[in-house]
Each structure stands twice: as structure tokens, then as C-alpha cells.
Amino acid sequence: MTRRRRALAVGGAVLAPALIGLAALLLGADMRVDMRNGQPPMVVALPLVVAFALVFALLGWAALAIMERLTARAATVWTVLAVIVLLVSFLPIVAAEASGGTKGALALMHLAVAAVLIPGLRSSGVARTAGRSPERGAYD
């Protein structure tokens, strides 16, 4: 059951920014970002959005599973870490050279991933009593 709930959270965290990216394109955002490093502008295309969301969602899942094995307060520690990662994820958006629409869409994508993933993974957590191992299969 836990694995299914977590997989649904990951799926939602991938779908949400993809839908925002599609909407941004339909509304005319160019989705080009110049990171001021002399490289040509990067186009934030749908495959890139999906790939990044999937990688970070799976990393979030893995981090939560590891913390559940280490501490009884895994959900709290993981949530704080997730919020810190969200805040840090805005730094490239702020530093980038891009239109307001593109920056807004990127910010909404980051918020959408967090809005789905944080409560989705947190609520799927495995209860653990300090000093006791969870039941076999509890992390599936």
C-alpha cells in the first residue's frame, strides 16, 4: 500500500509541472532561459520538465525511505529537508535571464511538484517506534 501511494505521489509530481508547462506554452511563454554562462539559451521543453520532476520526486522518495530506517521522526525531518530543497530550487530561476512569463511558469512548476510531492509522500509514511524496527515489508 505504501509503495502504491508513493508511486501515485511521484506520478502526480511529474504530471503537475508538465500541465503547467503546456499551459504556459499555450499562453505564449517562450520558455527560454539564459543562464548567463555564454551558452545559447536553454529551452525548457516538456521532456526536460518531466525528467527533472521524475528524478527529484524519486530522490525524495528514496530520502524518505532512508530516513524512516534511521529515525522515528522521519516525516518531520524529511518535510523540513523538502522545503529547503524547494527554496533552493528557486535560486536558478531568480538568477536566470528569462521573460516574466517564463520565470512565473518555472516558479509554478517548482511549487506544483512540492505541493503534490510533500503531502503525498509525507502522508504515506511508515509509523515507527524509536528503537524498534518496522514490520517486514513496511517500506514497500
Protein backbone atom coordinates (compact mmCIF):
# COMPACT_ATOMS: atom_id res chain seq x y z
CA MET A 1 0.00 0.00 0.00
CA THR A 2 2.79 2.42 0.88
CA ARG A 3 4.56 1.79 -2.44
CA ARG A 4 1.36 2.46 -4.38
CA ARG A 5 0.66 5.73 -2.54
CA ARG A 6 4.22 6.88 -3.07
CA ALA A 7 4.14 5.96 -6.75
CA LEU A 8 0.93 7.98 -7.13
CA ALA A 9 2.60 10.95 -5.41
CA VAL A 10 5.56 10.69 -7.79
CA GLY A 11 3.22 10.43 -10.78
CA GLY A 12 1.29 13.49 -9.66
CA ALA A 13 4.53 15.38 -9.06
CA VAL A 14 5.54 14.66 -12.66
CA LEU A 15 2.14 15.41 -14.19
CA ALA A 16 1.55 18.73 -12.40
CA PRO A 17 4.55 20.67 -13.81
CA ALA A 18 4.01 19.11 -17.24
CA LEU A 19 0.48 20.53 -17.31
CA ILE A 20 1.74 23.93 -16.17
CA GLY A 21 4.41 23.86 -18.87
CA LEU A 22 1.83 23.05 -21.53
CA ALA A 23 -0.42 25.83 -20.29
CA ALA A 24 2.49 28.29 -20.33
CA LEU A 25 3.25 27.40 -23.93
CA LEU A 26 -0.40 27.80 -24.90
CA LEU A 27 -0.43 31.21 -23.20
CA GLY A 28 2.63 32.29 -25.17
CA ALA A 29 5.54 31.94 -22.74
CA ASP A 30 8.69 31.27 -24.77
CA MET A 31 10.18 29.00 -22.07
CA ARG A 32 13.75 30.04 -22.96
CA VAL A 33 16.24 30.63 -20.18
CA ASP A 34 19.66 32.25 -20.47
CA MET A 35 21.81 31.24 -17.52
CA ARG A 36 24.38 33.96 -18.33
CA ASN A 37 27.20 31.47 -18.86
CA GLY A 38 27.89 32.19 -22.54
CA GLN A 39 25.87 29.18 -23.69
CA PRO A 40 22.89 29.53 -26.02
CA PRO A 41 19.55 29.90 -24.25
CA MET A 42 18.09 26.67 -22.88
CA VAL A 43 14.57 25.78 -23.97
CA VAL A 44 12.57 24.32 -21.10
CA ALA A 45 10.74 21.67 -23.10
CA LEU A 46 8.24 19.10 -21.83
CA PRO A 47 10.72 16.16 -21.78
CA LEU A 48 13.11 18.21 -19.64
CA VAL A 49 10.32 19.15 -17.22
CA VAL A 50 9.17 15.53 -16.92
CA ALA A 51 12.71 14.20 -16.48
CA PHE A 52 13.66 16.70 -13.77
CA ALA A 53 10.39 16.24 -11.89
CA LEU A 54 10.74 12.45 -12.03
CA VAL A 55 14.36 12.44 -10.86
CA PHE A 56 13.71 14.78 -7.93
CA ALA A 57 10.49 13.00 -6.95
CA LEU A 58 12.29 9.65 -6.87
CA LEU A 59 15.14 11.19 -4.88
CA GLY A 60 12.56 12.50 -2.42
CA TRP A 61 11.03 9.04 -2.10
CA ALA A 62 14.46 7.49 -1.52
CA ALA A 63 15.39 10.11 1.06
CA LEU A 64 12.16 9.49 2.98
CA ALA A 65 12.66 5.71 2.90
CA ILE A 66 16.20 6.09 4.23
CA MET A 67 15.11 8.47 6.98
CA GLU A 68 12.34 6.07 8.01
CA ARG A 69 15.01 3.48 8.70
CA LEU A 70 17.07 5.90 10.75
CA THR A 71 14.67 7.92 12.88
CA ALA A 72 11.20 7.85 14.37
CA ARG A 73 10.78 11.49 13.26
CA ALA A 74 11.42 10.76 9.59
CA ALA A 75 8.35 12.59 8.29
CA THR A 76 9.26 15.78 10.11
CA VAL A 77 12.93 15.71 9.16
CA TRP A 78 12.08 14.85 5.54
CA THR A 79 9.50 17.64 5.31
CA VAL A 80 11.99 20.23 6.53
CA LEU A 81 14.54 18.94 4.02
CA ALA A 82 11.95 19.02 1.22
CA VAL A 83 11.03 22.64 1.97
CA ILE A 84 14.72 23.59 1.99
CA VAL A 85 15.19 21.88 -1.40
CA LEU A 86 12.16 23.78 -2.72
CA LEU A 87 13.55 27.11 -1.56
CA VAL A 88 16.98 26.39 -3.04
CA SER A 89 15.34 25.35 -6.32
CA PHE A 90 14.21 28.95 -6.81
CA LEU A 91 17.78 30.30 -6.91
CA PRO A 92 18.39 29.42 -10.59
CA ILE A 93 15.04 30.95 -11.53
CA VAL A 94 15.91 34.21 -9.80
CA ALA A 95 19.40 34.25 -11.35
CA ALA A 96 18.28 33.35 -14.87
CA GLU A 97 17.69 35.76 -17.69
CA ALA A 98 14.16 34.98 -18.88
CA SER A 99 10.84 36.64 -19.53
CA GLY A 100 8.45 37.22 -16.66
CA GLY A 101 6.07 34.63 -18.07
CA THR A 102 8.81 32.04 -18.27
CA LYS A 103 10.03 32.75 -14.74
CA GLY A 104 6.46 32.63 -13.46
CA ALA A 105 5.80 29.31 -15.19
CA LEU A 106 9.04 27.84 -13.83
CA ALA A 107 8.21 29.00 -10.31
CA LEU A 108 4.73 27.49 -10.58
CA MET A 109 6.22 24.21 -11.80
CA HIS A 110 8.52 24.04 -8.77
CA LEU A 111 5.63 24.83 -6.44
CA ALA A 112 3.42 22.25 -8.15
CA VAL A 113 5.97 19.48 -7.67
CA ALA A 114 6.29 20.38 -3.99
CA ALA A 115 2.54 20.80 -3.49
CA VAL A 116 1.92 17.27 -4.72
CA LEU A 117 5.05 15.50 -3.53
CA ILE A 118 5.44 16.81 0.02
CA PRO A 119 1.97 15.94 1.32
CA GLY A 120 1.79 12.84 -0.89
CA LEU A 121 4.97 11.26 0.38
CA ARG A 122 4.61 12.55 3.93
CA SER A 123 1.14 11.04 4.34
CA SER A 124 2.36 7.70 3.02
CA GLY A 125 4.97 7.45 5.77
CA VAL A 126 5.52 4.37 7.83
CA ALA A 127 4.97 4.79 11.56
CA ARG A 128 7.97 3.71 13.59
CA THR A 129 8.54 3.50 17.29
CA ALA A 130 12.01 4.62 18.37
CA GLY A 131 14.34 1.67 18.83
CA ARG A 132 12.00 -0.79 17.11
CA SER A 133 12.14 -1.97 13.55
CA PRO A 134 9.04 -1.59 11.43
CA GLU A 135 7.22 -4.65 10.22
CA ARG A 136 8.73 -6.55 7.34
CA GLY A 137 7.53 -5.12 4.05
CA ALA A 138 6.51 -1.80 5.57
CA TYR A 139 8.74 0.09 3.11
CA ASP A 140 7.21 -1.50 0.01
